[in-house]
Amino acid sequence: MQIHKAKRVEIIIEAPMERRLTDALSEAGITGFTVLPVLGGSGRSGLWSREGQVSRASGMVAIIAIVREERLDALLDAAFTVVERHIGVVSVTDCGVLRAERF
């Protein structure tokens, strides 16, 4: 099987911002992504958990998209318009996909 190069973008952001971020991605032409709940973690503010934290009762979500390299800048520009004003992390890694026509 042939493996095609792609980029995997993972965005972790406050759950209330999920819709705003997915709308921005869609407007940028990014139609394939996955949204996952984030159960907890640690960052600049220290340890946190979805369980029992009143201040972060809604928690965080991870939004994952796999795109061709030529679509990466559009995705990052759209994501940054939302993430820049909120708690969030954006990471980009190289990956390989089997069905390139889907990306």
PDB file of N, CA and C in Angstrom:
ATOM      1  N   MET A   1       0.829  -1.197   0.000  1.00  0.00           N
ATOM      2  CA  MET A   1       0.000   0.000   0.000  1.00  0.00           C
ATOM      3  C   MET A   1       0.864   1.249   0.000  1.00  0.00           C
ATOM      4  N   GLN A   2       0.379   2.250  -0.683  1.00  0.00           N
ATOM      5  CA  GLN A   2       1.108   3.510  -0.729  1.00  0.00           C
ATOM      6  C   GLN A   2       0.648   4.419   0.402  1.00  0.00           C
ATOM      7  N   ILE A   3       1.615   5.010   1.080  1.00  0.00           N
ATOM      8  CA  ILE A   3       1.323   5.958   2.156  1.00  0.00           C
ATOM      9  C   ILE A   3       1.609   7.362   1.637  1.00  0.00           C
ATOM     10  N   HIS A   4       0.649   8.269   1.824  1.00  0.00           N
ATOM     11  CA  HIS A   4       0.753   9.645   1.346  1.00  0.00           C
ATOM     12  C   HIS A   4       1.024  10.582   2.524  1.00  0.00           C
ATOM     13  N   LYS A   5       1.895  11.558   2.318  1.00  0.00           N
ATOM     14  CA  LYS A   5       2.235  12.516   3.371  1.00  0.00           C
ATOM     15  C   LYS A   5       1.057  13.435   3.675  1.00  0.00           C
ATOM     16  N   ALA A   6       0.892  13.740   4.957  1.00  0.00           N
ATOM     17  CA  ALA A   6      -0.157  14.661   5.403  1.00  0.00           C
ATOM     18  C   ALA A   6       0.308  15.323   6.696  1.00  0.00           C
ATOM     19  N   LYS A   7      -0.488  16.241   7.184  1.00  0.00           N
ATOM     20  CA  LYS A   7      -0.216  16.926   8.453  1.00  0.00           C
ATOM     21  C   LYS A   7      -1.362  16.640   9.408  1.00  0.00           C
ATOM     22  N   ARG A   8      -1.024  16.317  10.638  1.00  0.00           N
ATOM     23  CA  ARG A   8      -2.021  16.114  11.687  1.00  0.00           C
ATOM     24  C   ARG A   8      -1.955  17.330  12.608  1.00  0.00           C
ATOM     25  N   VAL A   9      -3.091  17.982  12.769  1.00  0.00           N
ATOM     26  CA  VAL A   9      -3.174  19.160  13.628  1.00  0.00           C
ATOM     27  C   VAL A   9      -4.077  18.812  14.797  1.00  0.00           C
ATOM     28  N   GLU A  10      -3.574  19.039  15.991  1.00  0.00           N
ATOM     29  CA  GLU A  10      -4.349  18.799  17.201  1.00  0.00           C
ATOM     30  C   GLU A  10      -4.480  20.118  17.952  1.00  0.00           C
ATOM     31  N   ILE A  11      -5.715  20.471  18.251  1.00  0.00           N
ATOM     32  CA  ILE A  11      -6.001  21.720  18.938  1.00  0.00           C
ATOM     33  C   ILE A  11      -6.748  21.379  20.223  1.00  0.00           C
ATOM     34  N   ILE A  12      -6.188  21.785  21.343  1.00  0.00           N
ATOM     35  CA  ILE A  12      -6.856  21.593  22.627  1.00  0.00           C
ATOM     36  C   ILE A  12      -7.328  22.957  23.085  1.00  0.00           C
ATOM     37  N   ILE A  13      -8.630  23.050  23.341  1.00  0.00           N
ATOM     38  CA  ILE A  13      -9.225  24.344  23.653  1.00  0.00           C
ATOM     39  C   ILE A  13     -10.373  24.146  24.644  1.00  0.00           C
ATOM     40  N   GLU A  14     -10.748  25.225  25.306  1.00  0.00           N
ATOM     41  CA  GLU A  14     -11.870  25.172  26.244  1.00  0.00           C
ATOM     42  C   GLU A  14     -13.139  24.723  25.516  1.00  0.00           C
ATOM     43  N   ALA A  15     -13.881  23.822  26.141  1.00  0.00           N
ATOM     44  CA  ALA A  15     -15.070  23.245  25.508  1.00  0.00           C
ATOM     45  C   ALA A  15     -16.074  24.293  25.003  1.00  0.00           C
ATOM     46  N   PRO A  16     -16.303  25.395  25.711  1.00  0.00           N
ATOM     47  CA  PRO A  16     -17.257  26.381  25.190  1.00  0.00           C
ATOM     48  C   PRO A  16     -16.837  26.989  23.844  1.00  0.00           C
ATOM     49  N   MET A  17     -15.560  26.866  23.484  1.00  0.00           N
ATOM     50  CA  MET A  17     -15.072  27.431  22.226  1.00  0.00           C
ATOM     51  C   MET A  17     -15.137  26.420  21.081  1.00  0.00           C
ATOM     52  N   GLU A  18     -15.582  25.218  21.350  1.00  0.00           N
ATOM     53  CA  GLU A  18     -15.611  24.165  20.327  1.00  0.00           C
ATOM     54  C   GLU A  18     -16.366  24.602  19.074  1.00  0.00           C
ATOM     55  N   ARG A  19     -17.559  25.084  19.238  1.00  0.00           N
ATOM     56  CA  ARG A  19     -18.386  25.460  18.085  1.00  0.00           C
ATOM     57  C   ARG A  19     -17.747  26.588  17.287  1.00  0.00           C
ATOM     58  N   ARG A  20     -17.208  27.572  17.976  1.00  0.00           N
ATOM     59  CA  ARG A  20     -16.569  28.689  17.279  1.00  0.00           C
ATOM     60  C   ARG A  20     -15.370  28.191  16.456  1.00  0.00           C
ATOM     61  N   LEU A  21     -14.606  27.277  17.038  1.00  0.00           N
ATOM     62  CA  LEU A  21     -13.444  26.744  16.330  1.00  0.00           C
ATOM     63  C   LEU A  21     -13.854  25.862  15.154  1.00  0.00           C
ATOM     64  N   THR A  22     -14.800  24.976  15.351  1.00  0.00           N
ATOM     65  CA  THR A  22     -15.213  24.099  14.245  1.00  0.00           C
ATOM     66  C   THR A  22     -15.880  24.911  13.122  1.00  0.00           C
ATOM     67  N   ASP A  23     -16.606  25.961  13.476  1.00  0.00           N
ATOM     68  CA  ASP A  23     -17.178  26.843  12.452  1.00  0.00           C
ATOM     69  C   ASP A  23     -16.066  27.535  11.656  1.00  0.00           C
ATOM     70  N   ALA A  24     -15.031  28.008  12.358  1.00  0.00           N
ATOM     71  CA  ALA A  24     -13.909  28.675  11.683  1.00  0.00           C
ATOM     72  C   ALA A  24     -13.183  27.704  10.758  1.00  0.00           C
ATOM     73  N   LEU A  25     -13.007  26.475  11.198  1.00  0.00           N
ATOM     74  CA  LEU A  25     -12.357  25.473  10.356  1.00  0.00           C
ATOM     75  C   LEU A  25     -13.197  25.192   9.107  1.00  0.00           C
ATOM     76  N   SER A  26     -14.493  25.033   9.300  1.00  0.00           N
ATOM     77  CA  SER A  26     -15.388  24.775   8.164  1.00  0.00           C
ATOM     78  C   SER A  26     -15.366  25.921   7.168  1.00  0.00           C
ATOM     79  N   GLU A  27     -15.387  27.166   7.669  1.00  0.00           N
ATOM     80  CA  GLU A  27     -15.335  28.332   6.792  1.00  0.00           C
ATOM     81  C   GLU A  27     -14.031  28.389   6.009  1.00  0.00           C
ATOM     82  N   ALA A  28     -12.968  27.802   6.567  1.00  0.00           N
ATOM     83  CA  ALA A  28     -11.666  27.774   5.895  1.00  0.00           C
ATOM     84  C   ALA A  28     -11.546  26.585   4.940  1.00  0.00           C
ATOM     85  N   GLY A  29     -12.628  25.813   4.815  1.00  0.00           N
ATOM     86  CA  GLY A  29     -12.615  24.677   3.901  1.00  0.00           C
ATOM     87  C   GLY A  29     -12.139  23.379   4.506  1.00  0.00           C
ATOM     88  N   ILE A  30     -11.960  23.359   5.813  1.00  0.00           N
ATOM     89  CA  ILE A  30     -11.541  22.140   6.512  1.00  0.00           C
ATOM     90  C   ILE A  30     -12.812  21.436   6.979  1.00  0.00           C
ATOM     91  N   THR A  31     -13.186  20.388   6.287  1.00  0.00           N
ATOM     92  CA  THR A  31     -14.461  19.734   6.587  1.00  0.00           C
ATOM     93  C   THR A  31     -14.304  18.432   7.354  1.00  0.00           C
ATOM     94  N   GLY A  32     -13.084  17.945   7.484  1.00  0.00           N
ATOM     95  CA  GLY A  32     -12.875  16.705   8.215  1.00  0.00           C
ATOM     96  C   GLY A  32     -12.103  16.940   9.490  1.00  0.00           C
ATOM     97  N   PHE A  33     -12.735  16.663  10.608  1.00  0.00           N
ATOM     98  CA  PHE A  33     -12.063  16.768  11.899  1.00  0.00           C
ATOM     99  C   PHE A  33     -12.802  15.905  12.907  1.00  0.00           C
ATOM    100  N   THR A  34     -12.134  15.627  14.013  1.00  0.00           N
ATOM    101  CA  THR A  34     -12.703  14.828  15.087  1.00  0.00           C
ATOM    102  C   THR A  34     -12.626  15.638  16.370  1.00  0.00           C
ATOM    103  N   VAL A  35     -13.678  15.582  17.178  1.00  0.00           N
ATOM    104  CA  VAL A  35     -13.706  16.269  18.464  1.00  0.00           C
ATOM    105  C   VAL A  35     -13.740  15.218  19.564  1.00  0.00           C
ATOM    106  N   LEU A  36     -12.801  15.329  20.506  1.00  0.00           N
ATOM    107  CA  LEU A  36     -12.710  14.391  21.620  1.00  0.00           C
ATOM    108  C   LEU A  36     -12.730  15.148  22.940  1.00  0.00           C
ATOM    109  N   PRO A  37     -13.342  14.578  23.987  1.00  0.00           N
ATOM    110  CA  PRO A  37     -13.271  15.214  25.301  1.00  0.00           C
ATOM    111  C   PRO A  37     -11.871  15.035  25.886  1.00  0.00           C
ATOM    112  N   VAL A  38     -11.424  16.031  26.632  1.00  0.00           N
ATOM    113  CA  VAL A  38     -10.158  15.938  27.351  1.00  0.00           C
ATOM    114  C   VAL A  38     -10.502  15.769  28.823  1.00  0.00           C
ATOM    115  N   LEU A  39      -9.967  14.727  29.430  1.00  0.00           N
ATOM    116  CA  LEU A  39     -10.339  14.388  30.805  1.00  0.00           C
ATOM    117  C   LEU A  39      -9.569  15.171  31.849  1.00  0.00           C
ATOM    118  N   GLY A  40      -8.388  15.633  31.510  1.00  0.00           N
ATOM    119  CA  GLY A  40      -7.597  16.385  32.470  1.00  0.00           C
ATOM    120  C   GLY A  40      -6.213  16.617  31.911  1.00  0.00           C
ATOM    121  N   GLY A  41      -5.379  17.273  32.704  1.00  0.00           N
ATOM    122  CA  GLY A  41      -4.019  17.528  32.263  1.00  0.00           C
ATOM    123  C   GLY A  41      -3.311  18.493  33.191  1.00  0.00           C
ATOM    124  N   SER A  42      -2.241  19.045  32.701  1.00  0.00           N
ATOM    125  CA  SER A  42      -1.456  19.999  33.463  1.00  0.00           C
ATOM    126  C   SER A  42      -0.907  21.036  32.498  1.00  0.00           C
ATOM    127  N   GLY A  43      -0.881  22.269  32.937  1.00  0.00           N
ATOM    128  CA  GLY A  43      -0.367  23.353  32.099  1.00  0.00           C
ATOM    129  C   GLY A  43       0.154  24.467  32.976  1.00  0.00           C
ATOM    130  N   ARG A  44       0.177  25.685  32.425  1.00  0.00           N
ATOM    131  CA  ARG A  44       0.675  26.834  33.189  1.00  0.00           C
ATOM    132  C   ARG A  44      -0.081  27.045  34.486  1.00  0.00           C
ATOM    133  N   SER A  45      -1.358  26.699  34.487  1.00  0.00           N
ATOM    134  CA  SER A  45      -2.182  26.883  35.685  1.00  0.00           C
ATOM    135  C   SER A  45      -2.127  25.694  36.630  1.00  0.00           C
ATOM    136  N   GLY A  46      -1.328  24.693  36.311  1.00  0.00           N
ATOM    137  CA  GLY A  46      -1.195  23.514  37.165  1.00  0.00           C
ATOM    138  C   GLY A  46      -2.117  22.386  36.724  1.00  0.00           C
ATOM    139  N   LEU A  47      -2.226  21.380  37.574  1.00  0.00           N
ATOM    140  CA  LEU A  47      -3.070  20.225  37.289  1.00  0.00           C
ATOM    141  C   LEU A  47      -4.540  20.604  37.269  1.00  0.00           C
ATOM    142  N   TRP A  48      -5.297  19.955  36.390  1.00  0.00           N
ATOM    143  CA  TRP A  48      -6.735  20.156  36.364  1.00  0.00           C
ATOM    144  C   TRP A  48      -7.390  18.859  35.912  1.00  0.00           C
ATOM    145  N   SER A  49      -8.651  18.750  36.254  1.00  0.00           N
ATOM    146  CA  SER A  49      -9.421  17.571  35.880  1.00  0.00           C
ATOM    147  C   SER A  49     -10.839  17.998  35.552  1.00  0.00           C
ATOM    148  N   ARG A  50     -11.443  17.325  34.607  1.00  0.00           N
ATOM    149  CA  ARG A  50     -12.841  17.605  34.269  1.00  0.00           C
ATOM    150  C   ARG A  50     -13.729  17.354  35.489  1.00  0.00           C
ATOM    151  N   GLU A  51     -13.342  16.402  36.294  1.00  0.00           N
ATOM    152  CA  GLU A  51     -14.103  16.031  37.491  1.00  0.00           C
ATOM    153  C   GLU A  51     -13.834  17.028  38.619  1.00  0.00           C
ATOM    154  N   GLY A  52     -14.854  17.624  39.143  1.00  0.00           N
ATOM    155  CA  GLY A  52     -14.743  18.391  40.378  1.00  0.00           C
ATOM    156  C   GLY A  52     -14.116  19.766  40.298  1.00  0.00           C
ATOM    157  N   GLN A  53     -13.959  20.351  39.155  1.00  0.00           N
ATOM    158  CA  GLN A  53     -13.410  21.700  39.081  1.00  0.00           C
ATOM    159  C   GLN A  53     -14.507  22.654  38.639  1.00  0.00           C
ATOM    160  N   VAL A  54     -15.011  23.422  39.570  1.00  0.00           N
ATOM    161  CA  VAL A  54     -16.099  24.345  39.272  1.00  0.00           C
ATOM    162  C   VAL A  54     -15.677  25.367  38.228  1.00  0.00           C
ATOM    163  N   SER A  55     -14.450  25.875  38.327  1.00  0.00           N
ATOM    164  CA  SER A  55     -14.017  26.923  37.411  1.00  0.00           C
ATOM    165  C   SER A  55     -13.844  26.429  35.980  1.00  0.00           C
ATOM    166  N   ARG A  56     -13.668  25.128  35.814  1.00  0.00           N
ATOM    167  CA  ARG A  56     -13.529  24.572  34.472  1.00  0.00           C
ATOM    168  C   ARG A  56     -14.527  23.439  34.287  1.00  0.00           C
ATOM    169  N   ALA A  57     -15.748  23.670  34.754  1.00  0.00           N
ATOM    170  CA  ALA A  57     -16.771  22.632  34.732  1.00  0.00           C
ATOM    171  C   ALA A  57     -17.021  22.098  33.339  1.00  0.00           C
ATOM    172  N   SER A  58     -16.874  22.939  32.344  1.00  0.00           N
ATOM    173  CA  SER A  58     -17.139  22.482  30.979  1.00  0.00           C
ATOM    174  C   SER A  58     -15.938  21.774  30.373  1.00  0.00           C
ATOM    175  N   GLY A  59     -14.758  21.902  30.977  1.00  0.00           N
ATOM    176  CA  GLY A  59     -13.584  21.172  30.542  1.00  0.00           C
ATOM    177  C   GLY A  59     -12.978  21.672  29.240  1.00  0.00           C
ATOM    178  N   MET A  60     -12.235  20.768  28.633  1.00  0.00           N
ATOM    179  CA  MET A  60     -11.512  21.046  27.404  1.00  0.00           C
ATOM    180  C   MET A  60     -11.885  19.992  26.372  1.00  0.00           C
ATOM    181  N   VAL A  61     -11.646  20.316  25.105  1.00  0.00           N
ATOM    182  CA  VAL A  61     -11.832  19.356  24.017  1.00  0.00           C
ATOM    183  C   VAL A  61     -10.574  19.361  23.159  1.00  0.00           C
ATOM    184  N   ALA A  62     -10.350  18.243  22.484  1.00  0.00           N
ATOM    185  CA  ALA A  62      -9.270  18.141  21.504  1.00  0.00           C
ATOM    186  C   ALA A  62      -9.924  18.010  20.130  1.00  0.00           C
ATOM    187  N   ILE A  63      -9.514  18.854  19.214  1.00  0.00           N
ATOM    188  CA  ILE A  63     -10.015  18.793  17.849  1.00  0.00           C
ATOM    189  C   ILE A  63      -8.838  18.385  16.970  1.00  0.00           C
ATOM    190  N   ILE A  64      -9.014  17.281  16.260  1.00  0.00           N
ATOM    191  CA  ILE A  64      -7.944  16.707  15.448  1.00  0.00           C
ATOM    192  C   ILE A  64      -8.360  16.751  13.986  1.00  0.00           C
ATOM    193  N   ALA A  65      -7.457  17.246  13.146  1.00  0.00           N
ATOM    194  CA  ALA A  65      -7.696  17.277  11.704  1.00  0.00           C
ATOM    195  C   ALA A  65      -6.446  16.777  10.991  1.00  0.00           C
ATOM    196  N   ILE A  66      -6.653  16.056   9.917  1.00  0.00           N
ATOM    197  CA  ILE A  66      -5.548  15.620   9.063  1.00  0.00           C
ATOM    198  C   ILE A  66      -5.779  16.244   7.693  1.00  0.00           C
ATOM    199  N   VAL A  67      -4.765  16.967   7.227  1.00  0.00           N
ATOM    200  CA  VAL A  67      -4.909  17.702   5.960  1.00  0.00           C
ATOM    201  C   VAL A  67      -3.659  17.528   5.102  1.00  0.00           C
ATOM    202  N   ARG A  68      -3.828  17.807   3.819  1.00  0.00           N
ATOM    203  CA  ARG A  68      -2.670  17.898   2.933  1.00  0.00           C
ATOM    204  C   ARG A  68      -1.875  19.135   3.320  1.00  0.00           C
ATOM    205  N   GLU A  69      -0.587  19.070   3.079  1.00  0.00           N
ATOM    206  CA  GLU A  69       0.290  20.174   3.483  1.00  0.00           C
ATOM    207  C   GLU A  69      -0.153  21.515   2.900  1.00  0.00           C
ATOM    208  N   GLU A  70      -0.667  21.532   1.686  1.00  0.00           N
ATOM    209  CA  GLU A  70      -1.063  22.804   1.071  1.00  0.00           C
ATOM    210  C   GLU A  70      -2.288  23.430   1.738  1.00  0.00           C
ATOM    211  N   ARG A  71      -2.989  22.689   2.572  1.00  0.00           N
ATOM    212  CA  ARG A  71      -4.154  23.230   3.285  1.00  0.00           C
ATOM    213  C   ARG A  71      -3.821  23.625   4.728  1.00  0.00           C
ATOM    214  N   LEU A  72      -2.590  23.354   5.141  1.00  0.00           N
ATOM    215  CA  LEU A  72      -2.196  23.589   6.529  1.00  0.00           C
ATOM    216  C   LEU A  72      -2.305  25.055   6.933  1.00  0.00           C
ATOM    217  N   ASP A  73      -1.810  25.974   6.119  1.00  0.00           N
ATOM    218  CA  ASP A  73      -1.836  27.395   6.493  1.00  0.00           C
ATOM    219  C   ASP A  73      -3.262  27.900   6.693  1.00  0.00           C
ATOM    220  N   ALA A  74      -4.182  27.489   5.839  1.00  0.00           N
ATOM    221  CA  ALA A  74      -5.583  27.909   5.997  1.00  0.00           C
ATOM    222  C   ALA A  74      -6.153  27.395   7.313  1.00  0.00           C
ATOM    223  N   LEU A  75      -5.821  26.157   7.659  1.00  0.00           N
ATOM    224  CA  LEU A  75      -6.303  25.596   8.925  1.00  0.00           C
ATOM    225  C   LEU A  75      -5.723  26.363  10.105  1.00  0.00           C
ATOM    226  N   LEU A  76      -4.416  26.601  10.085  1.00  0.00           N
ATOM    227  CA  LEU A  76      -3.773  27.291  11.199  1.00  0.00           C
ATOM    228  C   LEU A  76      -4.259  28.733  11.340  1.00  0.00           C
ATOM    229  N   ASP A  77      -4.460  29.426  10.226  1.00  0.00           N
ATOM    230  CA  ASP A  77      -4.985  30.793  10.280  1.00  0.00           C
ATOM    231  C   ASP A  77      -6.367  30.808  10.916  1.00  0.00           C
ATOM    232  N   ALA A  78      -7.223  29.861  10.521  1.00  0.00           N
ATOM    233  CA  ALA A  78      -8.576  29.786  11.080  1.00  0.00           C
ATOM    234  C   ALA A  78      -8.523  29.450  12.561  1.00  0.00           C
ATOM    235  N   ALA A  79      -7.686  28.511  12.932  1.00  0.00           N
ATOM    236  CA  ALA A  79      -7.579  28.111  14.338  1.00  0.00           C
ATOM    237  C   ALA A  79      -7.054  29.257  15.192  1.00  0.00           C
ATOM    238  N   PHE A  80      -6.063  29.967  14.684  1.00  0.00           N
ATOM    239  CA  PHE A  80      -5.451  31.031  15.478  1.00  0.00           C
ATOM    240  C   PHE A  80      -6.433  32.152  15.783  1.00  0.00           C
ATOM    241  N   THR A  81      -7.366  32.424  14.882  1.00  0.00           N
ATOM    242  CA  THR A  81      -8.342  33.485  15.147  1.00  0.00           C
ATOM    243  C   THR A  81      -9.174  33.181  16.389  1.00  0.00           C
ATOM    244  N   VAL A  82      -9.324  31.907  16.724  1.00  0.00           N
ATOM    245  CA  VAL A  82     -10.097  31.501  17.907  1.00  0.00           C
ATOM    246  C   VAL A  82      -9.168  31.280  19.100  1.00  0.00           C
ATOM    247  N   VAL A  83      -8.090  30.568  18.893  1.00  0.00           N
ATOM    248  CA  VAL A  83      -7.218  30.159  19.995  1.00  0.00           C
ATOM    249  C   VAL A  83      -6.449  31.317  20.607  1.00  0.00           C
ATOM    250  N   GLU A  84      -6.115  32.333  19.828  1.00  0.00           N
ATOM    251  CA  GLU A  84      -5.249  33.407  20.334  1.00  0.00           C
ATOM    252  C   GLU A  84      -5.818  34.116  21.561  1.00  0.00           C
ATOM    253  N   ARG A  85      -7.127  34.133  21.740  1.00  0.00           N
ATOM    254  CA  ARG A  85      -7.734  34.848  22.858  1.00  0.00           C
ATOM    255  C   ARG A  85      -8.184  33.924  23.987  1.00  0.00           C
ATOM    256  N   HIS A  86      -7.867  32.639  23.889  1.00  0.00           N
ATOM    257  CA  HIS A  86      -8.362  31.670  24.867  1.00  0.00           C
ATOM    258  C   HIS A  86      -7.270  30.688  25.250  1.00  0.00           C
ATOM    259  N   ILE A  87      -7.538  29.933  26.297  1.00  0.00           N
ATOM    260  CA  ILE A  87      -6.629  28.860  26.671  1.00  0.00           C
ATOM    261  C   ILE A  87      -6.649  27.843  25.543  1.00  0.00           C
ATOM    262  N   GLY A  88      -5.486  27.447  25.074  1.00  0.00           N
ATOM    263  CA  GLY A  88      -5.449  26.461  24.007  1.00  0.00           C
ATOM    264  C   GLY A  88      -4.041  26.138  23.565  1.00  0.00           C
ATOM    265  N   VAL A  89      -3.899  24.973  22.970  1.00  0.00           N
ATOM    266  CA  VAL A  89      -2.623  24.505  22.447  1.00  0.00           C
ATOM    267  C   VAL A  89      -2.861  23.985  21.042  1.00  0.00           C
ATOM    268  N   VAL A  90      -1.968  24.334  20.130  1.00  0.00           N
ATOM    269  CA  VAL A  90      -2.043  23.836  18.759  1.00  0.00           C
ATOM    270  C   VAL A  90      -0.736  23.123  18.455  1.00  0.00           C
ATOM    271  N   SER A  91      -0.835  21.883  17.982  1.00  0.00           N
ATOM    272  CA  SER A  91       0.368  21.164  17.576  1.00  0.00           C
ATOM    273  C   SER A  91       0.182  20.615  16.170  1.00  0.00           C
ATOM    274  N   VAL A  92       1.302  20.527  15.445  1.00  0.00           N
ATOM    275  CA  VAL A  92       1.299  20.023  14.078  1.00  0.00           C
ATOM    276  C   VAL A  92       2.364  18.942  13.986  1.00  0.00           C
ATOM    277  N   THR A  93       1.981  17.779  13.448  1.00  0.00           N
ATOM    278  CA  THR A  93       2.933  16.694  13.247  1.00  0.00           C
ATOM    279  C   THR A  93       2.767  16.127  11.839  1.00  0.00           C
ATOM    280  N   ASP A  94       3.844  15.533  11.343  1.00  0.00           N
ATOM    281  CA  ASP A  94       3.781  14.832  10.070  1.00  0.00           C
ATOM    282  C   ASP A  94       3.100  13.490  10.295  1.00  0.00           C
ATOM    283  N   CYS A  95       2.337  13.055   9.311  1.00  0.00           N
ATOM    284  CA  CYS A  95       1.707  11.740   9.380  1.00  0.00           C
ATOM    285  C   CYS A  95       1.563  11.191   7.977  1.00  0.00           C
ATOM    286  N   GLY A  96       1.129   9.960   7.880  1.00  0.00           N
ATOM    287  CA  GLY A  96       0.894   9.330   6.600  1.00  0.00           C
ATOM    288  C   GLY A  96      -0.536   8.794   6.552  1.00  0.00           C
ATOM    289  N   VAL A  97      -1.155   8.872   5.392  1.00  0.00           N
ATOM    290  CA  VAL A  97      -2.521   8.376   5.218  1.00  0.00           C
ATOM    291  C   VAL A  97      -2.556   7.403   4.040  1.00  0.00           C
ATOM    292  N   LEU A  98      -3.484   6.472   4.100  1.00  0.00           N
ATOM    293  CA  LEU A  98      -3.612   5.482   3.041  1.00  0.00           C
ATOM    294  C   LEU A  98      -4.520   5.941   1.917  1.00  0.00           C
ATOM    295  N   ARG A  99      -5.556   6.664   2.219  1.00  0.00           N
ATOM    296  CA  ARG A  99      -6.526   7.089   1.200  1.00  0.00           C
ATOM    297  C   ARG A  99      -6.428   8.607   1.017  1.00  0.00           C
ATOM    298  N   ALA A 100      -5.466   9.033   0.228  1.00  0.00           N
ATOM    299  CA  ALA A 100      -5.174  10.460   0.073  1.00  0.00           C
ATOM    300  C   ALA A 100      -6.361  11.247  -0.475  1.00  0.00           C
ATOM    301  N   GLU A 101      -7.219  10.622  -1.240  1.00  0.00           N
ATOM    302  CA  GLU A 101      -8.369  11.344  -1.835  1.00  0.00           C
ATOM    303  C   GLU A 101      -9.335  11.836  -0.773  1.00  0.00           C
ATOM    304  N   ARG A 102      -9.240  11.344   0.427  1.00  0.00           N
ATOM    305  CA  ARG A 102     -10.137  11.761   1.517  1.00  0.00           C
ATOM    306  C   ARG A 102      -9.646  13.019   2.222  1.00  0.00           C
ATOM    307  N   PHE A 103      -8.448  13.481   1.880  1.00  0.00           N
ATOM    308  CA  PHE A 103      -7.874  14.622   2.556  1.00  0.00           C
ATOM    309  C   PHE A 103      -7.597  15.729   1.574  1.00  0.00           C
TER     310      PHE A 103
END
